[in-house]
C-alpha atoms as a PDB file:
ATOM      1  CA  MET A   1      -9.762 -37.831 -16.420  1.00  0.00           C
ATOM      2  CA  ARG A   2      -9.484 -34.293 -17.380  1.00  0.00           C
ATOM      3  CA  HIS A   3      -9.281 -32.865 -20.974  1.00  0.00           C
ATOM      4  CA  GLU A   4      -5.611 -32.098 -20.508  1.00  0.00           C
ATOM      5  CA  ASP A   5      -5.037 -35.906 -19.860  1.00  0.00           C
ATOM      6  CA  THR A   6      -6.113 -36.823 -23.146  1.00  0.00           C
ATOM      7  CA  LEU A   7      -2.837 -36.830 -24.839  1.00  0.00           C
ATOM      8  CA  GLU A   8      -1.231 -38.910 -21.956  1.00  0.00           C
ATOM      9  CA  PHE A   9      -4.140 -41.335 -21.975  1.00  0.00           C
ATOM     10  CA  THR A  10      -3.757 -41.744 -25.760  1.00  0.00           C
ATOM     11  CA  LYS A  11      -0.012 -42.635 -25.459  1.00  0.00           C
ATOM     12  CA  SER A  12      -0.801 -45.140 -22.876  1.00  0.00           C
ATOM     13  CA  LEU A  13      -3.396 -46.758 -24.832  1.00  0.00           C
ATOM     14  CA  GLN A  14      -1.233 -46.698 -27.878  1.00  0.00           C
ATOM     15  CA  LEU A  15       1.424 -48.485 -26.096  1.00  0.00           C
ATOM     16  CA  CYS A  16      -0.884 -51.109 -24.912  1.00  0.00           C
ATOM     17  CA  CYS A  17      -2.193 -51.814 -28.289  1.00  0.00           C
ATOM     18  CA  LYS A  18       1.306 -51.805 -29.837  1.00  0.00           C
ATOM     19  CA  THR A  19       2.551 -54.457 -27.101  1.00  0.00           C
ATOM     20  CA  LEU A  20      -0.525 -56.742 -27.972  1.00  0.00           C
ATOM     21  CA  ASN A  21       0.079 -56.279 -31.726  1.00  0.00           C
ATOM     22  CA  LYS A  22      -3.397 -54.829 -32.162  1.00  0.00           C
ATOM     23  CA  PRO A  23      -4.507 -51.595 -33.900  1.00  0.00           C
ATOM     24  CA  MET A  24      -5.603 -48.624 -32.274  1.00  0.00           C
ATOM     25  CA  PRO A  25      -9.373 -47.715 -31.826  1.00  0.00           C
ATOM     26  CA  GLU A  26     -10.766 -45.521 -34.545  1.00  0.00           C
ATOM     27  CA  PRO A  27     -10.883 -41.813 -33.958  1.00  0.00           C
ATOM     28  CA  ASP A  28     -14.577 -41.754 -33.549  1.00  0.00           C
ATOM     29  CA  SER A  29     -14.553 -44.577 -30.964  1.00  0.00           C
ATOM     30  CA  MET A  30     -11.971 -42.532 -28.969  1.00  0.00           C
ATOM     31  CA  LYS A  31     -14.481 -40.100 -27.980  1.00  0.00           C
ATOM     32  CA  PHE A  32     -16.589 -42.682 -26.327  1.00  0.00           C
ATOM     33  CA  TRP A  33     -13.340 -44.018 -24.487  1.00  0.00           C
ATOM     34  CA  LEU A  34     -12.802 -40.579 -23.062  1.00  0.00           C
ATOM     35  CA  LYS A  35     -16.267 -40.159 -22.141  1.00  0.00           C
ATOM     36  CA  LEU A  36     -16.698 -43.366 -20.351  1.00  0.00           C
ATOM     37  CA  LEU A  37     -13.446 -43.016 -18.517  1.00  0.00           C
ATOM     38  CA  GLU A  38     -13.891 -39.343 -17.585  1.00  0.00           C
ATOM     39  CA  PRO A  39     -14.966 -40.230 -13.923  1.00  0.00           C
ATOM     40  CA  TYR A  40     -11.652 -41.946 -13.470  1.00  0.00           C
ATOM     41  CA  ALA A  41      -8.177 -40.640 -12.654  1.00  0.00           C
ATOM     42  CA  LEU A  42      -5.518 -40.910 -15.070  1.00  0.00           C
ATOM     43  CA  GLU A  43      -3.327 -42.868 -12.797  1.00  0.00           C
ATOM     44  CA  ASP A  44      -6.000 -45.639 -12.260  1.00  0.00           C
ATOM     45  CA  VAL A  45      -6.638 -45.736 -16.115  1.00  0.00           C
ATOM     46  CA  LYS A  46      -2.910 -46.228 -16.843  1.00  0.00           C
ATOM     47  CA  ALA A  47      -2.748 -48.850 -14.100  1.00  0.00           C
ATOM     48  CA  ALA A  48      -5.688 -50.674 -15.617  1.00  0.00           C
ATOM     49  CA  LEU A  49      -4.070 -50.728 -19.147  1.00  0.00           C
ATOM     50  CA  LEU A  50      -0.850 -52.196 -17.538  1.00  0.00           C
ATOM     51  CA  GLN A  51      -2.676 -54.855 -15.701  1.00  0.00           C
ATOM     52  CA  HIS A  52      -4.589 -55.734 -19.162  1.00  0.00           C
ATOM     53  CA  MET A  53      -1.145 -56.277 -20.606  1.00  0.00           C
ATOM     54  CA  ARG A  54      -0.055 -58.539 -17.662  1.00  0.00           C
ATOM     55  CA  SER A  55      -3.222 -60.582 -17.842  1.00  0.00           C
ATOM     56  CA  GLY A  56      -1.871 -62.684 -20.684  1.00  0.00           C
ATOM     57  CA  THR A  57      -4.683 -61.840 -23.039  1.00  0.00           C
ATOM     58  CA  THR A  58      -4.213 -61.359 -26.752  1.00  0.00           C
ATOM     59  CA  PHE A  59      -7.131 -59.090 -27.200  1.00  0.00           C
ATOM     60  CA  ALA A  60      -7.268 -55.409 -27.584  1.00  0.00           C
ATOM     61  CA  PRO A  61      -8.567 -53.521 -24.568  1.00  0.00           C
ATOM     62  CA  VAL A  62     -12.021 -52.095 -24.497  1.00  0.00           C
ATOM     63  CA  PRO A  63     -13.461 -49.432 -22.008  1.00  0.00           C
ATOM     64  CA  ARG A  64     -15.113 -52.242 -20.027  1.00  0.00           C
ATOM     65  CA  ASP A  65     -11.838 -53.934 -19.326  1.00  0.00           C
ATOM     66  CA  VAL A  66     -10.303 -50.774 -18.018  1.00  0.00           C
ATOM     67  CA  ILE A  67     -13.438 -49.903 -16.038  1.00  0.00           C
ATOM     68  CA  SER A  68     -13.776 -53.340 -14.561  1.00  0.00           C
ATOM     69  CA  TYR A  69     -10.081 -53.298 -13.152  1.00  0.00           C
ATOM     70  CA  ILE A  70     -10.347 -49.807 -11.684  1.00  0.00           C
ATOM     71  CA  ASP A  71     -13.665 -50.591  -9.889  1.00  0.00           C
ATOM     72  CA  LYS A  72     -12.008 -53.770  -8.239  1.00  0.00           C
ATOM     73  CA  THR A  73      -9.124 -51.558  -6.981  1.00  0.00           C
ATOM     74  CA  ILE A  74     -11.126 -48.607  -5.615  1.00  0.00           C
ATOM     75  CA  ASP A  75     -13.953 -50.509  -4.029  1.00  0.00           C
ATOM     76  CA  CYS A  76     -12.722 -50.418  -0.506  1.00  0.00           C
ATOM     77  CA  TRP A  77     -16.160 -50.635   0.990  1.00  0.00           C
ATOM     78  CA  VAL A  78     -16.722 -53.370   3.560  1.00  0.00           C
ATOM     79  CA  SER A  79     -19.731 -55.770   3.191  1.00  0.00           C
ATOM     80  CA  PRO A  80     -23.149 -55.216   4.916  1.00  0.00           C
ATOM     81  CA  ASP A  81     -22.279 -57.878   7.336  1.00  0.00           C
ATOM     82  CA  GLU A  82     -18.897 -56.496   8.362  1.00  0.00           C
ATOM     83  CA  ALA A  83     -20.497 -53.000   8.442  1.00  0.00           C
ATOM     84  CA  TRP A  84     -23.074 -54.257  10.908  1.00  0.00           C
ATOM     85  CA  ALA A  85     -20.472 -55.983  13.038  1.00  0.00           C
ATOM     86  CA  ILE A  86     -18.774 -52.603  13.315  1.00  0.00           C
ATOM     87  CA  ALA A  87     -21.977 -50.551  14.070  1.00  0.00           C
ATOM     88  CA  SER A  88     -23.283 -53.055  16.545  1.00  0.00           C
ATOM     89  CA  LYS A  89     -20.021 -52.756  18.536  1.00  0.00           C
ATOM     90  CA  SER A  90     -20.031 -49.204  18.517  1.00  0.00           C
ATOM     91  CA  TYR A  91     -23.756 -48.934  19.607  1.00  0.00           C
ATOM     92  CA  ALA A  92     -24.289 -47.791  23.167  1.00  0.00           C
ATOM     93  CA  LYS A  93     -27.598 -47.277  24.973  1.00  0.00           C
ATOM     94  CA  PRO A  94     -28.886 -43.745  25.594  1.00  0.00           C
ATOM     95  CA  GLY A  95     -27.054 -42.408  28.633  1.00  0.00           C
ATOM     96  CA  GLU A  96     -24.354 -45.153  28.517  1.00  0.00           C
ATOM     97  CA  LEU A  97     -20.641 -44.624  27.562  1.00  0.00           C
ATOM     98  CA  GLU A  98     -19.172 -46.288  24.472  1.00  0.00           C
ATOM     99  CA  VAL A  99     -17.012 -49.093  25.715  1.00  0.00           C
ATOM    100  CA  ASN A 100     -15.728 -50.580  22.567  1.00  0.00           C
ATOM    101  CA  THR A 101     -13.001 -48.914  20.171  1.00  0.00           C
ATOM    102  CA  VAL A 102     -13.885 -49.301  16.518  1.00  0.00           C
ATOM    103  CA  VAL A 103     -12.769 -47.987  13.168  1.00  0.00           C
ATOM    104  CA  THR A 104     -15.695 -46.748  11.484  1.00  0.00           C
ATOM    105  CA  CYS A 105     -16.787 -44.399   8.471  1.00  0.00           C
ATOM    106  CA  ASN A 106     -19.730 -41.880   7.899  1.00  0.00           C
ATOM    107  CA  GLU A 107     -21.780 -44.272   5.909  1.00  0.00           C
ATOM    108  CA  ILE A 108     -21.713 -46.856   8.789  1.00  0.00           C
ATOM    109  CA  ASP A 109     -22.764 -44.195  11.185  1.00  0.00           C
ATOM    110  CA  GLN A 110     -25.546 -42.997   8.969  1.00  0.00           C
ATOM    111  CA  ALA A 111     -27.026 -46.371   8.509  1.00  0.00           C
ATOM    112  CA  LEU A 112     -26.718 -46.961  12.317  1.00  0.00           C
ATOM    113  CA  ASP A 113     -28.609 -43.777  13.108  1.00  0.00           C
ATOM    114  CA  HIS A 114     -31.541 -45.145  10.953  1.00  0.00           C
ATOM    115  CA  VAL A 115     -31.898 -48.146  13.166  1.00  0.00           C
ATOM    116  CA  ARG A 116     -31.103 -46.761  16.620  1.00  0.00           C
ATOM    117  CA  HIS A 117     -34.702 -46.809  17.774  1.00  0.00           C
ATOM    118  CA  LEU A 118     -34.803 -50.499  17.200  1.00  0.00           C
ATOM    119  CA  LEU A 119     -31.568 -51.069  19.102  1.00  0.00           C
ATOM    120  CA  ASP A 120     -32.861 -48.813  21.914  1.00  0.00           C
ATOM    121  CA  ALA A 121     -35.789 -51.159  22.027  1.00  0.00           C
ATOM    122  CA  GLY A 122     -33.709 -54.356  21.997  1.00  0.00           C
ATOM    123  CA  ASP A 123     -34.772 -55.584  18.528  1.00  0.00           C
ATOM    124  CA  ARG A 124     -31.478 -56.465  17.216  1.00  0.00           C
ATOM    125  CA  PHE A 125     -32.859 -58.776  14.679  1.00  0.00           C
ATOM    126  CA  ASN A 126     -34.940 -56.203  12.751  1.00  0.00           C
ATOM    127  CA  ALA A 127     -32.172 -53.584  13.373  1.00  0.00           C
ATOM    128  CA  SER A 128     -29.698 -55.926  11.672  1.00  0.00           C
ATOM    129  CA  ARG A 129     -31.883 -56.387   8.547  1.00  0.00           C
ATOM    130  CA  ALA A 130     -32.763 -52.640   8.203  1.00  0.00           C
ATOM    131  CA  PHE A 131     -29.217 -51.622   8.759  1.00  0.00           C
ATOM    132  CA  LYS A 132     -27.764 -53.793   6.110  1.00  0.00           C
ATOM    133  CA  ASP A 133     -30.568 -52.422   3.614  1.00  0.00           C
ATOM    134  CA  VAL A 134     -29.810 -48.895   4.537  1.00  0.00           C
ATOM    135  CA  TYR A 135     -25.978 -49.388   4.340  1.00  0.00           C
ATOM    136  CA  THR A 136     -26.237 -50.987   0.964  1.00  0.00           C
ATOM    137  CA  ARG A 137     -28.344 -48.000  -0.502  1.00  0.00           C
ATOM    138  CA  ILE A 138     -25.849 -45.611   0.927  1.00  0.00           C
ATOM    139  CA  VAL A 139     -22.767 -47.293  -0.441  1.00  0.00           C
ATOM    140  CA  ASP A 140     -24.281 -47.965  -3.820  1.00  0.00           C
ATOM    141  CA  VAL A 141     -24.770 -44.113  -4.134  1.00  0.00           C
ATOM    142  CA  GLU A 142     -21.117 -43.479  -3.063  1.00  0.00           C
ATOM    143  CA  ARG A 143     -19.708 -46.205  -5.524  1.00  0.00           C
ATOM    144  CA  GLN A 144     -21.470 -44.253  -8.243  1.00  0.00           C
ATOM    145  CA  LYS A 145     -19.412 -41.310  -7.321  1.00  0.00           C
ATOM    146  CA  HIS A 146     -16.255 -43.505  -7.346  1.00  0.00           C
ATOM    147  CA  ALA A 147     -15.750 -42.481  -3.672  1.00  0.00           C
ATOM    148  CA  LYS A 148     -13.850 -44.378  -0.946  1.00  0.00           C
ATOM    149  CA  PRO A 149     -14.666 -44.623   2.732  1.00  0.00           C
ATOM    150  CA  ARG A 150     -12.980 -42.324   5.157  1.00  0.00           C
ATOM    151  CA  TRP A 151     -12.090 -44.368   8.187  1.00  0.00           C
ATOM    152  CA  ARG A 152     -11.596 -42.807  11.523  1.00  0.00           C
ATOM    153  CA  ILE A 153     -11.056 -44.014  15.101  1.00  0.00           C
ATOM    154  CA  SER A 154     -13.786 -44.034  17.642  1.00  0.00           C
ATOM    155  CA  LYS A 155     -12.237 -44.788  21.104  1.00  0.00           C
ATOM    156  CA  GLY A 156     -14.271 -46.515  23.661  1.00  0.00           C
ATOM    157  CA  SER A 157     -13.830 -46.573  27.393  1.00  0.00           C
ATOM    158  CA  ASP A 158     -12.128 -49.981  27.556  1.00  0.00           C
ATOM    159  CA  VAL A 159      -8.469 -48.968  27.214  1.00  0.00           C
ATOM    160  CA  SER A 160      -7.501 -52.589  26.795  1.00  0.00           C
ATOM    161  CA  GLN A 161      -8.845 -52.598  23.194  1.00  0.00           C
ATOM    162  CA  HIS A 162      -6.919 -49.376  22.012  1.00  0.00           C
ATOM    163  CA  GLU A 163      -3.780 -50.856  21.043  1.00  0.00           C
ATOM    164  CA  ARG A 164      -5.275 -54.031  19.358  1.00  0.00           C
ATOM    165  CA  VAL A 165      -8.081 -52.213  17.336  1.00  0.00           C
ATOM    166  CA  ILE A 166      -5.891 -49.170  16.331  1.00  0.00           C
ATOM    167  CA  GLY A 167      -2.934 -51.270  15.481  1.00  0.00           C
ATOM    168  CA  GLY A 168      -5.038 -53.673  13.377  1.00  0.00           C
ATOM    169  CA  ALA A 169      -6.573 -50.760  11.411  1.00  0.00           C
ATOM    170  CA  VAL A 170      -2.998 -49.392  10.742  1.00  0.00           C
ATOM    171  CA  ARG A 171      -1.864 -52.779   9.545  1.00  0.00           C
ATOM    172  CA  GLU A 172      -4.850 -53.134   7.315  1.00  0.00           C
ATOM    173  CA  GLY A 173      -4.270 -49.690   5.793  1.00  0.00           C
ATOM    174  CA  ARG A 174      -7.317 -48.175   6.939  1.00  0.00           C
ATOM    175  CA  ILE A 175      -5.738 -45.698   9.310  1.00  0.00           C
ATOM    176  CA  ALA A 176      -2.387 -44.022   8.642  1.00  0.00           C
ATOM    177  CA  LEU A 177       0.323 -44.664  11.362  1.00  0.00           C
ATOM    178  CA  GLU A 178       0.468 -41.105  12.280  1.00  0.00           C
ATOM    179  CA  ASP A 179      -3.139 -40.966  13.078  1.00  0.00           C
ATOM    180  CA  GLY A 180      -2.988 -44.219  14.871  1.00  0.00           C
ATOM    181  CA  ARG A 181      -0.146 -42.914  17.192  1.00  0.00           C
ATOM    182  CA  ALA A 182      -2.197 -39.697  17.707  1.00  0.00           C
ATOM    183  CA  ALA A 183      -5.072 -41.890  19.235  1.00  0.00           C
ATOM    184  CA  TYR A 184      -2.692 -44.192  20.899  1.00  0.00           C
ATOM    185  CA  PRO A 185       0.937 -42.707  21.353  1.00  0.00           C
ATOM    186  CA  LEU A 186       2.525 -46.079  22.335  1.00  0.00           C
ATOM    187  CA  LEU A 187       1.541 -47.747  19.063  1.00  0.00           C
ATOM    188  CA  ALA A 188       4.521 -49.575  17.559  1.00  0.00           C
ATOM    189  CA  GLY A 189       5.403 -48.876  13.971  1.00  0.00           C
ATOM    190  CA  PRO A 190       7.100 -51.365  11.306  1.00  0.00           C
ATOM    191  CA  GLY A 191      10.452 -52.431  12.648  1.00  0.00           C
ATOM    192  CA  ASP A 192       9.648 -51.369  16.305  1.00  0.00           C
ATOM    193  CA  ASP A 193       9.393 -55.054  17.519  1.00  0.00           C
ATOM    194  CA  ARG A 194      12.896 -56.006  16.417  1.00  0.00           C
ATOM    195  CA  PRO A 195      15.107 -57.695  19.003  1.00  0.00           C
ATOM    196  CA  ILE A 196      17.263 -55.229  21.061  1.00  0.00           C
ATOM    197  CA  ASP A 197      20.790 -55.828  21.842  1.00  0.00           C
ATOM    198  CA  PRO A 198      21.192 -56.617  25.353  1.00  0.00           C
ATOM    199  CA  LYS A 199      24.152 -54.104  25.820  1.00  0.00           C
ATOM    200  CA  THR A 200      22.023 -51.548  23.999  1.00  0.00           C
ATOM    201  CA  ALA A 201      18.860 -52.465  26.409  1.00  0.00           C
ATOM    202  CA  ALA A 202      21.108 -51.866  29.359  1.00  0.00           C
ATOM    203  CA  GLU A 203      22.298 -48.476  28.092  1.00  0.00           C
ATOM    204  CA  ASN A 204      18.785 -47.594  27.414  1.00  0.00           C
ATOM    205  CA  ARG A 205      17.561 -48.537  30.754  1.00  0.00           C
ATOM    206  CA  SER A 206      20.291 -46.599  32.570  1.00  0.00           C
ATOM    207  CA  LYS A 207      19.253 -43.423  30.648  1.00  0.00           C
ATOM    208  CA  VAL A 208      15.710 -44.025  31.326  1.00  0.00           C
ATOM    209  CA  ALA A 209      16.516 -44.473  35.136  1.00  0.00           C
ATOM    210  CA  GLY A 210      18.592 -41.173  34.935  1.00  0.00           C
ATOM    211  CA  LEU A 211      15.592 -39.382  33.505  1.00  0.00           C
ATOM    212  CA  LEU A 212      13.126 -40.862  36.006  1.00  0.00           C
ATOM    213  CA  ALA A 213      15.697 -39.944  38.972  1.00  0.00           C
ATOM    214  CA  ILE A 214      15.764 -36.468  37.985  1.00  0.00           C
ATOM    215  CA  LEU A 215      12.040 -36.059  38.022  1.00  0.00           C
ATOM    216  CA  ALA A 216      11.856 -38.141  41.142  1.00  0.00           C
ATOM    217  CA  LYS A 217      14.303 -36.024  43.301  1.00  0.00           C
ATOM    218  CA  PRO A 218      13.016 -35.029  46.649  1.00  0.00           C
ATOM    219  CA  ARG A 219      11.985 -31.465  46.791  1.00  0.00           C
ATOM    220  CA  PRO A 220      13.108 -29.782  49.907  1.00  0.00           C
ATOM    221  CA  ALA A 221      10.627 -27.520  51.512  1.00  0.00           C
ATOM    222  CA  ALA A 222      11.562 -23.761  51.394  1.00  0.00           C
ATOM    223  CA  LYS A 223      11.340 -21.698  54.348  1.00  0.00           C
ATOM    224  CA  ALA A 224       8.500 -19.135  54.390  1.00  0.00           C
ATOM    225  CA  PRO A 225       9.622 -15.510  54.148  1.00  0.00           C
ATOM    226  CA  ASP A 226       9.610 -13.368  57.335  1.00  0.00           C
ATOM    227  CA  MET A 227       6.024 -12.396  57.965  1.00  0.00           C
ATOM    228  CA  ALA A 228       4.911  -9.021  59.049  1.00  0.00           C
ATOM    229  CA  PRO A 229       4.001  -8.886  63.116  1.00  0.00           C
ATOM    230  CA  ASP A 230       0.307  -8.400  62.257  1.00  0.00           C
ATOM    231  CA  ILE A 231       0.265 -11.509  59.872  1.00  0.00           C
ATOM    232  CA  ALA A 232       2.155 -13.561  62.292  1.00  0.00           C
ATOM    233  CA  ALA A 233      -0.459 -13.128  64.834  1.00  0.00           C
ATOM    234  CA  SER A 234      -2.778 -15.072  62.915  1.00  0.00           C
ATOM    235  CA  ARG A 235      -1.925 -18.733  62.822  1.00  0.00           C
ATOM    236  CA  GLU A 236      -4.146 -19.583  59.933  1.00  0.00           C
ATOM    237  CA  GLU A 237      -2.783 -16.793  57.872  1.00  0.00           C
ATOM    238  CA  ALA A 238       0.856 -17.832  58.677  1.00  0.00           C
ATOM    239  CA  ALA A 239       0.193 -21.571  57.863  1.00  0.00           C
ATOM    240  CA  GLU A 240      -1.449 -20.441  54.318  1.00  0.00           C
ATOM    241  CA  GLN A 241       1.788 -18.291  53.745  1.00  0.00           C
ATOM    242  CA  VAL A 242       4.064 -21.299  54.481  1.00  0.00           C
ATOM    243  CA  ARG A 243       1.981 -23.394  52.154  1.00  0.00           C
ATOM    244  CA  LYS A 244       2.251 -21.047  49.241  1.00  0.00           C
ATOM    245  CA  ALA A 245       5.851 -20.622  49.789  1.00  0.00           C
ATOM    246  CA  ASN A 246       6.392 -24.503  49.707  1.00  0.00           C
ATOM    247  CA  GLU A 247       4.132 -24.679  46.574  1.00  0.00           C
ATOM    248  CA  TYR A 248       6.255 -22.243  44.876  1.00  0.00           C
ATOM    249  CA  ALA A 249       9.538 -23.946  45.807  1.00  0.00           C
ATOM    250  CA  ALA A 250       8.254 -27.222  44.595  1.00  0.00           C
ATOM    251  CA  ALA A 251       7.025 -25.728  41.305  1.00  0.00           C
ATOM    252  CA  GLN A 252      10.519 -24.280  40.823  1.00  0.00           C
ATOM    253  CA  GLN A 253      12.176 -27.410  41.516  1.00  0.00           C
ATOM    254  CA  ARG A 254       9.882 -29.385  39.329  1.00  0.00           C
ATOM    255  CA  GLU A 255      10.522 -26.932  36.494  1.00  0.00           C
ATOM    256  CA  LYS A 256      14.160 -27.224  36.825  1.00  0.00           C
ATOM    257  CA  ALA A 257      14.163 -31.144  36.903  1.00  0.00           C
ATOM    258  CA  GLU A 258      11.910 -31.207  33.727  1.00  0.00           C
ATOM    259  CA  ALA A 259      14.197 -28.877  32.039  1.00  0.00           C
ATOM    260  CA  GLU A 260      16.956 -31.119  32.722  1.00  0.00           C
ATOM    261  CA  ALA A 261      14.888 -34.145  31.444  1.00  0.00           C
ATOM    262  CA  TYR A 262      14.005 -32.407  28.346  1.00  0.00           C
ATOM    263  CA  ARG A 263      17.668 -31.535  27.689  1.00  0.00           C
ATOM    264  CA  MET A 264      18.565 -35.122  28.057  1.00  0.00           C
ATOM    265  CA  ILE A 265      15.552 -36.194  25.770  1.00  0.00           C
ATOM    266  CA  ALA A 266      16.746 -33.673  23.065  1.00  0.00           C
ATOM    267  CA  SER A 267      20.271 -35.163  23.153  1.00  0.00           C
ATOM    268  CA  LEU A 268      18.565 -38.492  21.711  1.00  0.00           C
ATOM    269  CA  ALA A 269      16.747 -36.517  18.881  1.00  0.00           C
ATOM    270  CA  HIS A 270      19.111 -38.366  16.293  1.00  0.00           C
ATOM    271  CA  LEU A 271      17.558 -41.576  16.961  1.00  0.00           C
ATOM    272  CA  SER A 272      15.193 -43.252  14.503  1.00  0.00           C
ATOM    273  CA  ASP A 273      11.479 -43.334  15.197  1.00  0.00           C
ATOM    274  CA  GLY A 274      11.785 -47.086  16.138  1.00  0.00           C
ATOM    275  CA  GLU A 275      14.483 -46.394  18.718  1.00  0.00           C
ATOM    276  CA  ILE A 276      12.331 -43.541  20.259  1.00  0.00           C
ATOM    277  CA  ALA A 277       9.281 -45.958  20.516  1.00  0.00           C
ATOM    278  CA  THR A 278      11.787 -48.389  22.148  1.00  0.00           C
ATOM    279  CA  TYR A 279      12.651 -45.622  24.825  1.00  0.00           C
ATOM    280  CA  VAL A 280       8.984 -44.810  25.365  1.00  0.00           C
ATOM    281  CA  ARG A 281       8.299 -48.529  26.152  1.00  0.00           C
ATOM    282  CA  LEU A 282      11.200 -48.979  28.369  1.00  0.00           C
ATOM    283  CA  ILE A 283       9.945 -45.791  30.383  1.00  0.00           C
ATOM    284  CA  ALA A 284       6.430 -47.328  30.584  1.00  0.00           C
ATOM    285  CA  GLU A 285       7.824 -50.632  31.707  1.00  0.00           C
ATOM    286  CA  HIS A 286      10.139 -48.896  34.269  1.00  0.00           C
ATOM    287  CA  VAL A 287       7.302 -47.029  35.750  1.00  0.00           C
ATOM    288  CA  GLU A 288       5.088 -50.071  36.039  1.00  0.00           C
ATOM    289  CA  VAL A 289       7.865 -52.064  37.714  1.00  0.00           C
ATOM    290  CA  ALA A 290       8.481 -49.272  40.277  1.00  0.00           C
END
């Protein structure tokens, strides 16, 4: 807490003591309260006092009560065993691609770096023991700082894992939905899996088919412009001119089709995120069927 939080904290503590019908701490002891709670945010301290009142106790709170509750709520570190499971999945031998997708943090990566030489040599047993010891030491330091792990996605080459692993991390609250969708755009959000009305589904499929039809229109080859006599004399040069003209015409046709598709998509901008996600899945399904 900051010095300017003193008044707000005092009011919260006073309310807690009054609710429990207990006296406030003496002014001298309040200095120790403030010193002991200095590393913690005011919001966490107030939540801890509220939890103390809800616990059913009849005793006045002491700093240890508040700190114990806060430590339980902010300690988001995984156990050494779980950390090793993440690290061992993310490990790849030198020169090999990372196959597995994992959600990891800097502390797990740091501990893994300490035992890579053991894993490279195939000694997983000693690597596991050493990793857990190193990870525990690193996390203990971070706990003293009241820090939290910053989870991030490490995508592997096995695409079949992306949706399951990233979706699981979003559901567990380790990764924000926006970050999950940045890594896997088709990731469903809350409410995306609700049943779709058959009539609505038919209309959606019709719109999707219309969009795909625009992009799939045959592109007539454009005639090459008249060539100068000296260029026409060379068949290779003439063929190159025709190829370039056809490429230009195809690009123009594609650009026009895409512009029309974007116009149609823009007309659906009023839809919710869940409905837009449904369109994306329908498009993907339509392409697979086709």
